[in-house]
C-alpha cells in the first residue's frame, strides 16, 4: 500500500468517523492538541485501523506517535512490513 493510499484512508476516517475538520489535518498536527483526539477516540481508531488496514494497534507502540505524520508512518511500517 502506498503512502498516499494510507493517508487517504486515514484522512477519510478522521473526517467521517471522528468529525475532524479537514483543514486541521496536516503532517505536523498533533493528534491530541491540534486534532482533539481523546482516549475514547483512540478506542474507535483501534477498531477502524484494524478494519481498514488489517492489524491491531498495540498501545505500547503508540507511545511515540504524537503527530498525524507519526501516525501515518506507524501505519505504513505495519502495513508494508
Protein backbone atom coordinates (compact mmCIF):
# COMPACT_ATOMS: atom_id res chain seq x y z
CA UNK A 1 0.00 0.00 0.00
CA UNK A 2 1.40 3.39 -0.95
CA UNK A 3 1.82 6.31 1.42
CA UNK A 4 -0.84 8.29 -0.43
CA UNK A 5 -3.33 5.41 -0.12
CA UNK A 6 -2.63 5.21 3.62
CA UNK A 7 -3.05 8.98 4.06
CA UNK A 8 -6.28 8.91 2.06
CA UNK A 9 -7.77 6.18 4.28
CA UNK A 10 -6.59 7.93 7.46
CA UNK A 11 -8.00 11.26 6.30
CA UNK A 12 -11.31 9.64 5.43
CA UNK A 13 -11.84 8.09 8.85
CA UNK A 14 -10.61 11.19 10.69
CA UNK A 15 -13.12 13.32 8.78
CA UNK A 16 -16.02 10.84 8.53
CA UNK A 17 -15.83 8.88 11.79
CA UNK A 18 -14.20 11.36 14.18
CA UNK A 19 -15.63 14.51 12.55
CA UNK A 20 -12.30 16.36 12.42
CA UNK A 21 -12.17 19.42 10.17
CA UNK A 22 -10.24 18.59 7.01
CA UNK A 23 -8.18 21.78 7.16
CA UNK A 24 -6.77 20.75 10.56
CA UNK A 25 -5.27 17.55 9.09
CA UNK A 26 -1.68 18.45 8.26
CA UNK A 27 1.55 16.48 8.70
CA UNK A 28 2.71 18.32 11.83
CA UNK A 29 -0.72 18.39 13.54
CA UNK A 30 -0.58 16.78 16.99
CA UNK A 31 -3.22 14.12 17.49
CA UNK A 32 -4.37 15.29 20.92
CA UNK A 33 -3.90 19.05 20.90
CA UNK A 34 -4.43 20.03 17.25
CA UNK A 35 -6.88 17.34 16.16
CA UNK A 36 -8.64 16.95 19.51
CA UNK A 37 -8.38 13.17 19.58
CA UNK A 38 -9.05 11.89 23.11
CA UNK A 39 -8.80 8.47 24.74
CA UNK A 40 -12.32 7.49 23.63
CA UNK A 41 -11.43 8.42 20.05
CA UNK A 42 -8.36 6.20 20.27
CA UNK A 43 -10.61 3.25 21.09
CA UNK A 44 -12.50 3.96 17.86
CA UNK A 45 -9.24 4.39 15.96
CA UNK A 46 -8.05 0.94 17.06
CA UNK A 47 -11.20 -0.64 15.59
CA UNK A 48 -11.06 1.48 12.42
CA UNK A 49 -7.38 0.73 11.77
CA UNK A 50 -7.97 -3.00 12.21
CA UNK A 51 -10.89 -2.84 9.76
CA UNK A 52 -9.08 -0.69 7.17
CA UNK A 53 -5.50 -1.92 7.44
CA UNK A 54 -5.78 -5.43 8.89
CA UNK A 55 -3.65 -5.16 12.03
CA UNK A 56 -4.19 -4.43 15.72
CA UNK A 57 -2.63 -1.35 17.28
CA UNK A 58 -0.57 -2.15 20.36
CA UNK A 59 -0.76 0.67 22.93
CA UNK A 60 2.96 0.49 23.69
CA UNK A 61 3.74 1.05 20.00
CA UNK A 62 1.67 4.24 20.01
CA UNK A 63 3.73 5.81 22.84
CA UNK A 64 5.91 7.80 20.43
CA UNK A 65 3.12 8.65 17.98
CA UNK A 66 2.37 12.31 18.59
CA UNK A 67 1.54 13.82 15.19
CA UNK A 68 -0.54 12.95 12.14
CA UNK A 69 2.71 12.23 10.28
CA UNK A 70 3.90 9.89 13.07
CA UNK A 71 0.57 8.06 12.89
CA UNK A 72 0.81 7.59 9.11
CA UNK A 73 4.44 6.44 9.49
CA UNK A 74 3.34 3.90 12.10
CA UNK A 75 0.58 2.52 9.86
CA UNK A 76 2.91 2.44 6.87
CA UNK A 77 5.52 0.47 8.86
CA UNK A 78 2.90 -2.13 9.87
CA UNK A 79 1.13 -2.43 6.50
CA UNK A 80 4.34 -2.71 4.47
CA UNK A 81 6.27 -4.89 6.95
